[in-house]
Amino acid sequence: MQLGLYFDLRNPTPWQQPWSQVYAHALERIVEAERLGADSVWFSEHHLFTDGYLPQPLVMAAAAAARTSRITLGTAVLLAALRPPMLVAEEAAVVDQLSGGRLELGIGAGYVVSEYEAYATDITRRYSLTDAAVAEVRRLLDDGVVTPPAVRRPFPLWLGYQGPQGARRAGRLGVGLLSLDRSLLDPYREGLVEGGHDPAVARTGGMLDIIVADDPEAALERILPHYAHQLNSYRAAAVAGTGRPAPKEITVEKLRSGVSTVGQIPGLRVLTAADAVAAIRAATDGAPVEHVYLWASVAGMPDDLVDRHIELVCTEVRPNL
């Protein structure tokens, strides 16, 4: 199992920095994470977010490939339905060559109407389009159609589908499942069998909502405004382009009232390194997990917390798993 960090490169207005600095600093952190022993870094995708959420994960992966030599580079997830399969396959192959075969291509369907509208694509067909894209990208990469060719064949593909039906679809396509939800293992394996794949090839990965800190209670208090922004941005995106009214904003006070134990609220856990190790073990033991990744930063949270979190993940969490 590899332990990594997840970058979305948000730059919210209340804490905004020059954009060139945001991207440069992210690359510096990726280089440092590799030096400290991190196994992987993952890049996500959204469009038209007011905080500038990373829109092109393979471009960022290419930049990271040029600055690193060992660390796995993943997308979690790339919205393949918004792009021609040939474009996805060619860009993935270039990143794979730049990195010496270190790319893991995670693909998802997305959920934001305005993103599909911006790319003139029908969101009601997002699952069929995504399934078809996965099959075609795999053909283009595994059969050596694109140039340059990918380093690895078969190429490591993942689907970020959620729910039993999504897990079954991922299984039928014979790709990895980007979910750590144990309830999805049976439908995923059933899908593998339905697709003519050996269920023993089942592989999963995914996000755990953990930030590691020396003093979780104090760190959580400083992170709460950033987490409120993150939640509100996702909630706003869910209604963008639908005509539905904007949801009521979640306040820091509401989040604070939900703190149940030191450093923990629903959806986010700020833990000591020892508690993070225990939480990761609990989420992965006995499951075919190949990758776990944690937030690198929550919506522009303070630099000192980000840097210490990355240091603790690499030097105190990873060695004890």
C-alpha atoms as a PDB file:
ATOM      1  CA  MET A   1       0.000   0.000   0.000  1.00  0.00           C
ATOM      2  CA  GLN A   2       1.246   3.455  -0.967  1.00  0.00           C
ATOM      3  CA  LEU A   3       0.562   6.551   1.128  1.00  0.00           C
ATOM      4  CA  GLY A   4       0.313   9.877  -0.646  1.00  0.00           C
ATOM      5  CA  LEU A   5      -1.001  13.426  -0.754  1.00  0.00           C
ATOM      6  CA  TYR A   6      -3.862  14.961  -2.717  1.00  0.00           C
ATOM      7  CA  PHE A   7      -3.514  18.385  -4.349  1.00  0.00           C
ATOM      8  CA  ASP A   8      -6.403  20.526  -5.618  1.00  0.00           C
ATOM      9  CA  LEU A   9      -4.493  23.861  -5.660  1.00  0.00           C
ATOM     10  CA  ARG A  10      -7.312  26.016  -4.347  1.00  0.00           C
ATOM     11  CA  ASN A  11      -6.569  29.698  -3.780  1.00  0.00           C
ATOM     12  CA  PRO A  12      -9.598  31.182  -1.952  1.00  0.00           C
ATOM     13  CA  THR A  13     -10.088  34.948  -1.913  1.00  0.00           C
ATOM     14  CA  PRO A  14      -9.765  35.439   1.871  1.00  0.00           C
ATOM     15  CA  TRP A  15      -6.283  33.930   1.808  1.00  0.00           C
ATOM     16  CA  GLN A  16      -5.365  34.492  -1.832  1.00  0.00           C
ATOM     17  CA  GLN A  17      -1.735  34.397  -2.951  1.00  0.00           C
ATOM     18  CA  PRO A  18      -0.277  35.175  -6.391  1.00  0.00           C
ATOM     19  CA  TRP A  19      -1.215  32.294  -8.674  1.00  0.00           C
ATOM     20  CA  SER A  20       2.350  31.685  -9.806  1.00  0.00           C
ATOM     21  CA  GLN A  21       3.282  31.289  -6.150  1.00  0.00           C
ATOM     22  CA  VAL A  22       0.472  28.789  -5.523  1.00  0.00           C
ATOM     23  CA  TYR A  23       1.680  26.505  -8.292  1.00  0.00           C
ATOM     24  CA  ALA A  24       5.369  26.954  -7.565  1.00  0.00           C
ATOM     25  CA  HIS A  25       4.812  26.249  -3.879  1.00  0.00           C
ATOM     26  CA  ALA A  26       2.813  23.107  -4.686  1.00  0.00           C
ATOM     27  CA  LEU A  27       5.672  21.780  -6.822  1.00  0.00           C
ATOM     28  CA  GLU A  28       8.160  22.585  -4.064  1.00  0.00           C
ATOM     29  CA  ARG A  29       6.006  20.639  -1.608  1.00  0.00           C
ATOM     30  CA  ILE A  30       5.808  17.683  -3.984  1.00  0.00           C
ATOM     31  CA  VAL A  31       9.600  17.644  -4.316  1.00  0.00           C
ATOM     32  CA  GLU A  32       9.946  17.829  -0.535  1.00  0.00           C
ATOM     33  CA  ALA A  33       7.364  15.100   0.004  1.00  0.00           C
ATOM     34  CA  GLU A  34       9.313  12.815  -2.315  1.00  0.00           C
ATOM     35  CA  ARG A  35      12.529  13.616  -0.419  1.00  0.00           C
ATOM     36  CA  LEU A  36      10.824  12.783   2.882  1.00  0.00           C
ATOM     37  CA  GLY A  37       9.550   9.438   1.584  1.00  0.00           C
ATOM     38  CA  ALA A  38       5.986   9.973   0.346  1.00  0.00           C
ATOM     39  CA  ASP A  39       4.849   7.288  -2.087  1.00  0.00           C
ATOM     40  CA  SER A  40       2.470   9.266  -4.276  1.00  0.00           C
ATOM     41  CA  VAL A  41       0.816  12.569  -5.126  1.00  0.00           C
ATOM     42  CA  TRP A  42      -2.622  12.875  -6.698  1.00  0.00           C
ATOM     43  CA  PHE A  43      -4.281  15.687  -8.621  1.00  0.00           C
ATOM     44  CA  SER A  44      -7.979  16.415  -8.921  1.00  0.00           C
ATOM     45  CA  GLU A  45     -10.137  18.377 -11.384  1.00  0.00           C
ATOM     46  CA  HIS A  46     -12.925  20.949 -11.300  1.00  0.00           C
ATOM     47  CA  HIS A  47     -13.829  23.848 -13.555  1.00  0.00           C
ATOM     48  CA  LEU A  48     -15.132  27.378 -12.953  1.00  0.00           C
ATOM     49  CA  PHE A  49     -14.656  27.228  -9.181  1.00  0.00           C
ATOM     50  CA  THR A  50     -14.221  30.732  -7.764  1.00  0.00           C
ATOM     51  CA  ASP A  51     -11.132  29.603  -5.842  1.00  0.00           C
ATOM     52  CA  GLY A  52      -9.396  28.365  -8.992  1.00  0.00           C
ATOM     53  CA  TYR A  53      -9.562  24.632  -8.224  1.00  0.00           C
ATOM     54  CA  LEU A  54      -7.060  22.783 -10.427  1.00  0.00           C
ATOM     55  CA  PRO A  55      -8.718  22.313 -13.853  1.00  0.00           C
ATOM     56  CA  GLN A  56      -6.073  20.257 -15.689  1.00  0.00           C
ATOM     57  CA  PRO A  57      -4.578  17.458 -13.571  1.00  0.00           C
ATOM     58  CA  LEU A  58      -2.421  15.914 -16.299  1.00  0.00           C
ATOM     59  CA  VAL A  59      -0.734  19.255 -16.961  1.00  0.00           C
ATOM     60  CA  MET A  60       0.134  19.451 -13.265  1.00  0.00           C
ATOM     61  CA  ALA A  61       1.270  15.821 -13.288  1.00  0.00           C
ATOM     62  CA  ALA A  62       3.618  16.623 -16.180  1.00  0.00           C
ATOM     63  CA  ALA A  63       5.158  19.468 -14.210  1.00  0.00           C
ATOM     64  CA  ALA A  64       5.565  17.201 -11.179  1.00  0.00           C
ATOM     65  CA  ALA A  65       7.076  14.470 -13.354  1.00  0.00           C
ATOM     66  CA  ALA A  66       9.787  16.864 -14.479  1.00  0.00           C
ATOM     67  CA  ARG A  67      10.671  17.757 -10.888  1.00  0.00           C
ATOM     68  CA  THR A  68      10.649  14.265  -9.341  1.00  0.00           C
ATOM     69  CA  SER A  69      12.239  10.874  -9.954  1.00  0.00           C
ATOM     70  CA  ARG A  70      10.478   8.262  -7.811  1.00  0.00           C
ATOM     71  CA  ILE A  71       7.065   9.296  -6.543  1.00  0.00           C
ATOM     72  CA  THR A  72       3.869   7.919  -8.137  1.00  0.00           C
ATOM     73  CA  LEU A  73       1.724  10.527  -9.922  1.00  0.00           C
ATOM     74  CA  GLY A  74      -2.023   9.996  -9.982  1.00  0.00           C
ATOM     75  CA  THR A  75      -5.233  11.682 -11.098  1.00  0.00           C
ATOM     76  CA  ALA A  76      -8.184  11.427  -8.750  1.00  0.00           C
ATOM     77  CA  VAL A  77     -10.032  12.090 -10.832  1.00  0.00           C
ATOM     78  CA  LEU A  78      -9.786  13.201 -14.454  1.00  0.00           C
ATOM     79  CA  LEU A  79     -13.171  13.944 -16.073  1.00  0.00           C
ATOM     80  CA  ALA A  80     -12.619  11.939 -19.227  1.00  0.00           C
ATOM     81  CA  ALA A  81     -16.121  12.541 -20.601  1.00  0.00           C
ATOM     82  CA  LEU A  82     -15.169  16.186 -21.205  1.00  0.00           C
ATOM     83  CA  ARG A  83     -12.303  15.249 -23.532  1.00  0.00           C
ATOM     84  CA  PRO A  84     -11.767  13.123 -26.639  1.00  0.00           C
ATOM     85  CA  PRO A  85     -10.303   9.742 -25.601  1.00  0.00           C
ATOM     86  CA  MET A  86      -7.373  10.286 -27.968  1.00  0.00           C
ATOM     87  CA  LEU A  87      -6.445  13.493 -26.133  1.00  0.00           C
ATOM     88  CA  VAL A  88      -6.575  11.740 -22.751  1.00  0.00           C
ATOM     89  CA  ALA A  89      -4.491   8.818 -23.997  1.00  0.00           C
ATOM     90  CA  GLU A  90      -1.867  11.035 -25.652  1.00  0.00           C
ATOM     91  CA  GLU A  91      -1.481  13.294 -22.625  1.00  0.00           C
ATOM     92  CA  ALA A  92      -1.319  10.304 -20.279  1.00  0.00           C
ATOM     93  CA  ALA A  93       1.343   8.651 -22.445  1.00  0.00           C
ATOM     94  CA  VAL A  94       3.451  11.829 -22.470  1.00  0.00           C
ATOM     95  CA  VAL A  95       3.256  12.097 -18.667  1.00  0.00           C
ATOM     96  CA  ASP A  96       4.061   8.398 -18.364  1.00  0.00           C
ATOM     97  CA  GLN A  97       7.172   8.869 -20.507  1.00  0.00           C
ATOM     98  CA  LEU A  98       8.225  12.048 -18.670  1.00  0.00           C
ATOM     99  CA  SER A  99       7.940  10.215 -15.372  1.00  0.00           C
ATOM    100  CA  GLY A 100       9.482   6.931 -16.441  1.00  0.00           C
ATOM    101  CA  GLY A 101       6.253   4.991 -15.983  1.00  0.00           C
ATOM    102  CA  ARG A 102       4.943   6.551 -12.784  1.00  0.00           C
ATOM    103  CA  LEU A 103       1.431   7.652 -13.826  1.00  0.00           C
ATOM    104  CA  GLU A 104      -1.768   6.125 -12.415  1.00  0.00           C
ATOM    105  CA  LEU A 105      -4.764   7.410 -14.403  1.00  0.00           C
ATOM    106  CA  GLY A 106      -7.873   7.784 -12.263  1.00  0.00           C
ATOM    107  CA  ILE A 107     -11.031   8.701 -14.172  1.00  0.00           C
ATOM    108  CA  GLY A 108     -14.397   9.887 -12.875  1.00  0.00           C
ATOM    109  CA  ALA A 109     -17.770  11.068 -14.154  1.00  0.00           C
ATOM    110  CA  GLY A 110     -18.161  14.261 -12.139  1.00  0.00           C
ATOM    111  CA  TYR A 111     -21.436  15.792 -11.003  1.00  0.00           C
ATOM    112  CA  VAL A 112     -21.353  19.512 -11.859  1.00  0.00           C
ATOM    113  CA  VAL A 113     -23.814  20.612 -14.561  1.00  0.00           C
ATOM    114  CA  SER A 114     -21.957  23.843 -15.353  1.00  0.00           C
ATOM    115  CA  GLU A 115     -18.730  21.933 -16.060  1.00  0.00           C
ATOM    116  CA  TYR A 116     -20.441  19.747 -18.646  1.00  0.00           C
ATOM    117  CA  GLU A 117     -22.126  22.800 -20.173  1.00  0.00           C
ATOM    118  CA  ALA A 118     -18.770  24.561 -20.447  1.00  0.00           C
ATOM    119  CA  TYR A 119     -17.459  21.615 -22.474  1.00  0.00           C
ATOM    120  CA  ALA A 120     -20.690  21.263 -24.509  1.00  0.00           C
ATOM    121  CA  THR A 121     -21.257  17.763 -23.138  1.00  0.00           C
ATOM    122  CA  ASP A 122     -24.484  16.159 -21.913  1.00  0.00           C
ATOM    123  CA  ILE A 123     -24.224  15.428 -18.194  1.00  0.00           C
ATOM    124  CA  THR A 124     -27.165  13.020 -18.344  1.00  0.00           C
ATOM    125  CA  ARG A 125     -24.873  10.691 -20.326  1.00  0.00           C
ATOM    126  CA  ARG A 126     -21.883  11.091 -18.024  1.00  0.00           C
ATOM    127  CA  TYR A 127     -21.667   7.446 -16.931  1.00  0.00           C
ATOM    128  CA  SER A 128     -22.025   5.930 -20.394  1.00  0.00           C
ATOM    129  CA  LEU A 129     -19.573   8.492 -21.781  1.00  0.00           C
ATOM    130  CA  THR A 130     -17.101   7.782 -18.985  1.00  0.00           C
ATOM    131  CA  ASP A 131     -17.372   4.004 -19.379  1.00  0.00           C
ATOM    132  CA  ALA A 132     -16.782   4.357 -23.111  1.00  0.00           C
ATOM    133  CA  ALA A 133     -13.831   6.689 -22.516  1.00  0.00           C
ATOM    134  CA  VAL A 134     -12.184   4.215 -20.140  1.00  0.00           C
ATOM    135  CA  ALA A 135     -12.492   1.389 -22.659  1.00  0.00           C
ATOM    136  CA  GLU A 136     -11.149   3.499 -25.516  1.00  0.00           C
ATOM    137  CA  VAL A 137      -8.290   5.057 -23.528  1.00  0.00           C
ATOM    138  CA  ARG A 138      -7.243   1.580 -22.437  1.00  0.00           C
ATOM    139  CA  ARG A 139      -7.261   0.370 -26.059  1.00  0.00           C
ATOM    140  CA  LEU A 140      -5.241   3.331 -27.259  1.00  0.00           C
ATOM    141  CA  LEU A 141      -2.642   2.908 -24.499  1.00  0.00           C
ATOM    142  CA  ASP A 142      -2.428  -0.863 -24.237  1.00  0.00           C
ATOM    143  CA  ASP A 143      -2.358  -1.468 -28.009  1.00  0.00           C
ATOM    144  CA  GLY A 144       0.334   1.144 -28.525  1.00  0.00           C
ATOM    145  CA  VAL A 145      -1.825   3.246 -30.838  1.00  0.00           C
ATOM    146  CA  VAL A 146      -0.775   6.640 -29.476  1.00  0.00           C
ATOM    147  CA  THR A 147       2.662   8.124 -29.743  1.00  0.00           C
ATOM    148  CA  PRO A 148       4.669   8.223 -27.695  1.00  0.00           C
ATOM    149  CA  PRO A 149       3.575   4.871 -26.319  1.00  0.00           C
ATOM    150  CA  ALA A 150       2.942   4.478 -22.625  1.00  0.00           C
ATOM    151  CA  VAL A 151       5.779   2.981 -20.607  1.00  0.00           C
ATOM    152  CA  ARG A 152       3.556   0.398 -18.921  1.00  0.00           C
ATOM    153  CA  ARG A 153       1.171  -2.032 -20.548  1.00  0.00           C
ATOM    154  CA  PRO A 154      -1.410  -2.821 -19.375  1.00  0.00           C
ATOM    155  CA  PHE A 155      -1.726   0.766 -18.246  1.00  0.00           C
ATOM    156  CA  PRO A 156      -2.939   1.277 -14.632  1.00  0.00           C
ATOM    157  CA  LEU A 157      -6.469   2.698 -14.891  1.00  0.00           C
ATOM    158  CA  TRP A 158      -8.877   3.507 -12.078  1.00  0.00           C
ATOM    159  CA  LEU A 159     -12.500   4.591 -11.828  1.00  0.00           C
ATOM    160  CA  GLY A 160     -13.672   6.937  -9.099  1.00  0.00           C
ATOM    161  CA  TYR A 161     -17.231   5.610  -9.073  1.00  0.00           C
ATOM    162  CA  GLN A 162     -19.195   5.542  -5.837  1.00  0.00           C
ATOM    163  CA  GLY A 163     -22.135   3.398  -4.752  1.00  0.00           C
ATOM    164  CA  PRO A 164     -22.779  -0.299  -5.510  1.00  0.00           C
ATOM    165  CA  GLN A 165     -23.731   0.269  -9.154  1.00  0.00           C
ATOM    166  CA  GLY A 166     -20.607   2.331  -9.789  1.00  0.00           C
ATOM    167  CA  ALA A 167     -18.401  -0.261  -8.130  1.00  0.00           C
ATOM    168  CA  ARG A 168     -19.938  -2.989 -10.284  1.00  0.00           C
ATOM    169  CA  ARG A 169     -19.314  -0.901 -13.427  1.00  0.00           C
ATOM    170  CA  ALA A 170     -15.654  -0.451 -12.460  1.00  0.00           C
ATOM    171  CA  GLY A 171     -15.381  -4.189 -11.966  1.00  0.00           C
ATOM    172  CA  ARG A 172     -16.936  -5.003 -15.329  1.00  0.00           C
ATOM    173  CA  LEU A 173     -14.391  -2.715 -16.986  1.00  0.00           C
ATOM    174  CA  GLY A 174     -11.574  -4.493 -15.135  1.00  0.00           C
ATOM    175  CA  VAL A 175     -10.051  -1.354 -13.615  1.00  0.00           C
ATOM    176  CA  GLY A 176      -9.169  -0.335 -10.081  1.00  0.00           C
ATOM    177  CA  LEU A 177     -11.819   1.241  -7.850  1.00  0.00           C
ATOM    178  CA  LEU A 178     -10.978   4.575  -6.223  1.00  0.00           C
ATOM    179  CA  SER A 179     -13.021   4.076  -3.083  1.00  0.00           C
ATOM    180  CA  LEU A 180     -12.155   2.845   0.400  1.00  0.00           C
ATOM    181  CA  ASP A 181     -15.795   2.019   1.190  1.00  0.00           C
ATOM    182  CA  ARG A 182     -15.732  -1.628   2.273  1.00  0.00           C
ATOM    183  CA  SER A 183     -19.406  -2.076   1.364  1.00  0.00           C
ATOM    184  CA  LEU A 184     -18.426  -1.691  -2.291  1.00  0.00           C
ATOM    185  CA  LEU A 185     -15.983  -4.612  -2.340  1.00  0.00           C
ATOM    186  CA  ASP A 186     -18.607  -7.288  -3.018  1.00  0.00           C
ATOM    187  CA  PRO A 187     -20.314  -5.483  -5.928  1.00  0.00           C
ATOM    188  CA  TYR A 188     -16.886  -4.542  -7.302  1.00  0.00           C
ATOM    189  CA  ARG A 189     -15.733  -8.168  -7.259  1.00  0.00           C
ATOM    190  CA  GLU A 190     -19.055  -9.280  -8.721  1.00  0.00           C
ATOM    191  CA  GLY A 191     -18.522  -6.807 -11.542  1.00  0.00           C
ATOM    192  CA  LEU A 192     -15.048  -8.214 -12.166  1.00  0.00           C
ATOM    193  CA  VAL A 193     -16.537 -11.684 -12.584  1.00  0.00           C
ATOM    194  CA  GLU A 194     -19.298 -10.354 -14.854  1.00  0.00           C
ATOM    195  CA  GLY A 195     -16.660  -8.691 -17.031  1.00  0.00           C
ATOM    196  CA  GLY A 196     -14.646 -11.886 -17.322  1.00  0.00           C
ATOM    197  CA  HIS A 197     -11.889 -10.735 -14.955  1.00  0.00           C
ATOM    198  CA  ASP A 198     -10.318 -12.682 -12.121  1.00  0.00           C
ATOM    199  CA  PRO A 199     -11.710 -11.238  -8.846  1.00  0.00           C
ATOM    200  CA  ALA A 200      -8.237 -11.735  -7.380  1.00  0.00           C
ATOM    201  CA  VAL A 201      -7.097  -8.682  -9.400  1.00  0.00           C
ATOM    202  CA  ALA A 202      -9.347  -6.404  -7.321  1.00  0.00           C
ATOM    203  CA  ARG A 203      -7.517  -3.249  -6.272  1.00  0.00           C
ATOM    204  CA  THR A 204      -8.792  -0.200  -4.474  1.00  0.00           C
ATOM    205  CA  GLY A 205      -7.538   3.171  -3.370  1.00  0.00           C
ATOM    206  CA  GLY A 206      -8.886   6.467  -2.193  1.00  0.00           C
ATOM    207  CA  MET A 207      -9.012   9.492   0.047  1.00  0.00           C
ATOM    208  CA  LEU A 208      -9.055   9.611   3.822  1.00  0.00           C
ATOM    209  CA  ASP A 209     -10.097  12.977   5.252  1.00  0.00           C
ATOM    210  CA  ILE A 210      -7.134  13.285   7.619  1.00  0.00           C
ATOM    211  CA  ILE A 211      -4.794  16.154   8.435  1.00  0.00           C
ATOM    212  CA  VAL A 212      -1.906  15.307  10.775  1.00  0.00           C
ATOM    213  CA  ALA A 213      -0.844  17.818  13.427  1.00  0.00           C
ATOM    214  CA  ASP A 214       1.108  17.982  16.670  1.00  0.00           C
ATOM    215  CA  ASP A 215      -1.843  19.642  18.433  1.00  0.00           C
ATOM    216  CA  PRO A 216      -5.033  18.501  16.653  1.00  0.00           C
ATOM    217  CA  GLU A 217      -7.402  20.643  18.681  1.00  0.00           C
ATOM    218  CA  ALA A 218      -5.515  23.872  18.000  1.00  0.00           C
ATOM    219  CA  ALA A 219      -4.928  22.958  14.358  1.00  0.00           C
ATOM    220  CA  LEU A 220      -8.602  22.166  13.767  1.00  0.00           C
ATOM    221  CA  GLU A 221      -9.633  25.564  15.077  1.00  0.00           C
ATOM    222  CA  ARG A 222      -7.322  27.245  12.553  1.00  0.00           C
ATOM    223  CA  ILE A 223      -8.508  24.988   9.720  1.00  0.00           C
ATOM    224  CA  LEU A 224     -12.255  25.459  10.314  1.00  0.00           C
ATOM    225  CA  PRO A 225     -12.644  28.610   8.141  1.00  0.00           C
ATOM    226  CA  HIS A 226     -10.872  26.839   5.283  1.00  0.00           C
ATOM    227  CA  TYR A 227     -12.966  23.703   5.677  1.00  0.00           C
ATOM    228  CA  ALA A 228     -16.155  25.782   5.703  1.00  0.00           C
ATOM    229  CA  HIS A 229     -15.035  27.360   2.424  1.00  0.00           C
ATOM    230  CA  GLN A 230     -14.324  23.928   0.936  1.00  0.00           C
ATOM    231  CA  LEU A 231     -17.726  22.545   1.914  1.00  0.00           C
ATOM    232  CA  ASN A 232     -19.566  25.607   0.665  1.00  0.00           C
ATOM    233  CA  SER A 233     -17.761  25.526  -2.687  1.00  0.00           C
ATOM    234  CA  TYR A 234     -18.758  21.895  -3.273  1.00  0.00           C
ATOM    235  CA  ARG A 235     -22.350  22.650  -2.275  1.00  0.00           C
ATOM    236  CA  ALA A 236     -22.482  25.625  -4.634  1.00  0.00           C
ATOM    237  CA  ALA A 237     -21.037  23.542  -7.475  1.00  0.00           C
ATOM    238  CA  ALA A 238     -23.722  20.911  -6.984  1.00  0.00           C
ATOM    239  CA  VAL A 239     -26.449  23.406  -7.945  1.00  0.00           C
ATOM    240  CA  ALA A 240     -24.513  25.465 -10.522  1.00  0.00           C
ATOM    241  CA  GLY A 241     -26.334  25.358 -13.849  1.00  0.00           C
ATOM    242  CA  THR A 242     -29.362  23.532 -12.451  1.00  0.00           C
ATOM    243  CA  GLY A 243     -31.574  26.507 -11.671  1.00  0.00           C
ATOM    244  CA  ARG A 244     -31.907  25.349  -8.086  1.00  0.00           C
ATOM    245  CA  PRO A 245     -31.361  27.947  -5.355  1.00  0.00           C
ATOM    246  CA  ALA A 246     -27.955  28.212  -3.721  1.00  0.00           C
ATOM    247  CA  PRO A 247     -27.752  26.226  -0.485  1.00  0.00           C
ATOM    248  CA  LYS A 248     -27.442  27.987   2.836  1.00  0.00           C
ATOM    249  CA  GLU A 249     -23.787  28.468   3.692  1.00  0.00           C
ATOM    250  CA  ILE A 250     -22.193  26.365   6.397  1.00  0.00           C
ATOM    251  CA  THR A 251     -20.607  28.590   9.034  1.00  0.00           C
ATOM    252  CA  VAL A 252     -17.552  28.060  11.170  1.00  0.00           C
ATOM    253  CA  GLU A 253     -19.838  28.206  14.205  1.00  0.00           C
ATOM    254  CA  LYS A 254     -21.928  25.337  12.848  1.00  0.00           C
ATOM    255  CA  LEU A 255     -18.823  23.279  12.181  1.00  0.00           C
ATOM    256  CA  ARG A 256     -17.457  24.049  15.626  1.00  0.00           C
ATOM    257  CA  SER A 257     -20.697  22.852  17.208  1.00  0.00           C
ATOM    258  CA  GLY A 258     -20.223  19.512  15.454  1.00  0.00           C
ATOM    259  CA  VAL A 259     -16.861  18.738  17.062  1.00  0.00           C
ATOM    260  CA  SER A 260     -17.359  15.392  18.770  1.00  0.00           C
ATOM    261  CA  THR A 261     -13.855  14.517  19.917  1.00  0.00           C
ATOM    262  CA  VAL A 262     -10.559  16.371  19.960  1.00  0.00           C
ATOM    263  CA  GLY A 263      -9.681  17.429  16.427  1.00  0.00           C
ATOM    264  CA  GLN A 264     -12.613  15.707  14.713  1.00  0.00           C
ATOM    265  CA  ILE A 265     -15.815  16.814  13.024  1.00  0.00           C
ATOM    266  CA  PRO A 266     -17.923  14.951  10.454  1.00  0.00           C
ATOM    267  CA  GLY A 267     -15.949  14.906   7.220  1.00  0.00           C
ATOM    268  CA  LEU A 268     -12.591  15.976   8.615  1.00  0.00           C
ATOM    269  CA  ARG A 269     -10.226  14.494  11.154  1.00  0.00           C
ATOM    270  CA  VAL A 270      -7.178  16.341  12.462  1.00  0.00           C
ATOM    271  CA  LEU A 271      -5.127  13.674  14.218  1.00  0.00           C
ATOM    272  CA  THR A 272      -1.778  13.016  15.802  1.00  0.00           C
ATOM    273  CA  ALA A 273       0.569  10.836  13.776  1.00  0.00           C
ATOM    274  CA  ALA A 274      -0.162   7.816  15.993  1.00  0.00           C
ATOM    275  CA  ASP A 275      -3.920   8.257  15.639  1.00  0.00           C
ATOM    276  CA  ALA A 276      -3.558   8.724  11.879  1.00  0.00           C
ATOM    277  CA  VAL A 277      -1.701   5.410  11.643  1.00  0.00           C
ATOM    278  CA  ALA A 278      -4.514   3.699  13.554  1.00  0.00           C
ATOM    279  CA  ALA A 279      -7.185   5.323  11.373  1.00  0.00           C
ATOM    280  CA  ILE A 280      -5.473   4.293   8.139  1.00  0.00           C
ATOM    281  CA  ARG A 281      -5.036   0.737   9.367  1.00  0.00           C
ATOM    282  CA  ALA A 282      -8.696   0.544  10.346  1.00  0.00           C
ATOM    283  CA  ALA A 283      -9.747   1.755   6.897  1.00  0.00           C
ATOM    284  CA  THR A 284      -7.488  -0.583   4.921  1.00  0.00           C
ATOM    285  CA  ASP A 285      -6.771  -3.801   6.828  1.00  0.00           C
ATOM    286  CA  GLY A 286      -8.062  -6.845   4.996  1.00  0.00           C
ATOM    287  CA  ALA A 287      -8.962  -4.908   1.834  1.00  0.00           C
ATOM    288  CA  PRO A 288      -7.077  -4.919  -1.498  1.00  0.00           C
ATOM    289  CA  VAL A 289      -5.898  -1.335  -1.014  1.00  0.00           C
ATOM    290  CA  GLU A 290      -2.998  -0.140  -3.172  1.00  0.00           C
ATOM    291  CA  HIS A 291      -3.256   3.602  -2.533  1.00  0.00           C
ATOM    292  CA  VAL A 292      -4.326   5.891   0.282  1.00  0.00           C
ATOM    293  CA  TYR A 293      -4.022   9.646  -0.077  1.00  0.00           C
ATOM    294  CA  LEU A 294      -4.693  12.468   2.359  1.00  0.00           C
ATOM    295  CA  TRP A 295      -5.404  16.121   1.680  1.00  0.00           C
ATOM    296  CA  ALA A 296      -2.171  18.058   1.189  1.00  0.00           C
ATOM    297  CA  SER A 297      -4.034  21.199   2.226  1.00  0.00           C
ATOM    298  CA  VAL A 298      -7.619  22.182   2.956  1.00  0.00           C
ATOM    299  CA  ALA A 299      -8.599  25.236   0.871  1.00  0.00           C
ATOM    300  CA  GLY A 300      -5.542  27.425   1.433  1.00  0.00           C
ATOM    301  CA  MET A 301      -5.038  26.560   5.085  1.00  0.00           C
ATOM    302  CA  PRO A 302      -2.012  28.144   6.831  1.00  0.00           C
ATOM    303  CA  ASP A 303       1.362  27.260   5.347  1.00  0.00           C
ATOM    304  CA  ASP A 304       2.879  26.182   8.652  1.00  0.00           C
ATOM    305  CA  LEU A 305       0.097  23.629   9.163  1.00  0.00           C
ATOM    306  CA  VAL A 306       0.449  22.334   5.599  1.00  0.00           C
ATOM    307  CA  ASP A 307       4.212  21.934   5.839  1.00  0.00           C
ATOM    308  CA  ARG A 308       4.084  20.219   9.214  1.00  0.00           C
ATOM    309  CA  HIS A 309       1.254  17.946   8.053  1.00  0.00           C
ATOM    310  CA  ILE A 310       3.300  16.808   5.054  1.00  0.00           C
ATOM    311  CA  GLU A 311       6.366  16.286   7.224  1.00  0.00           C
ATOM    312  CA  LEU A 312       4.422  14.195   9.763  1.00  0.00           C
ATOM    313  CA  VAL A 313       2.716  12.112   7.060  1.00  0.00           C
ATOM    314  CA  CYS A 314       6.046  11.258   5.468  1.00  0.00           C
ATOM    315  CA  THR A 315       8.240  10.799   8.548  1.00  0.00           C
ATOM    316  CA  GLU A 316       5.917   9.550  11.293  1.00  0.00           C
ATOM    317  CA  VAL A 317       2.815   8.076   9.646  1.00  0.00           C
ATOM    318  CA  ARG A 318       4.145   6.285   6.580  1.00  0.00           C
ATOM    319  CA  PRO A 319       7.053   4.462   8.339  1.00  0.00           C
ATOM    320  CA  ASN A 320       4.640   3.068  10.937  1.00  0.00           C
ATOM    321  CA  LEU A 321       2.083   1.588   8.574  1.00  0.00           C
END
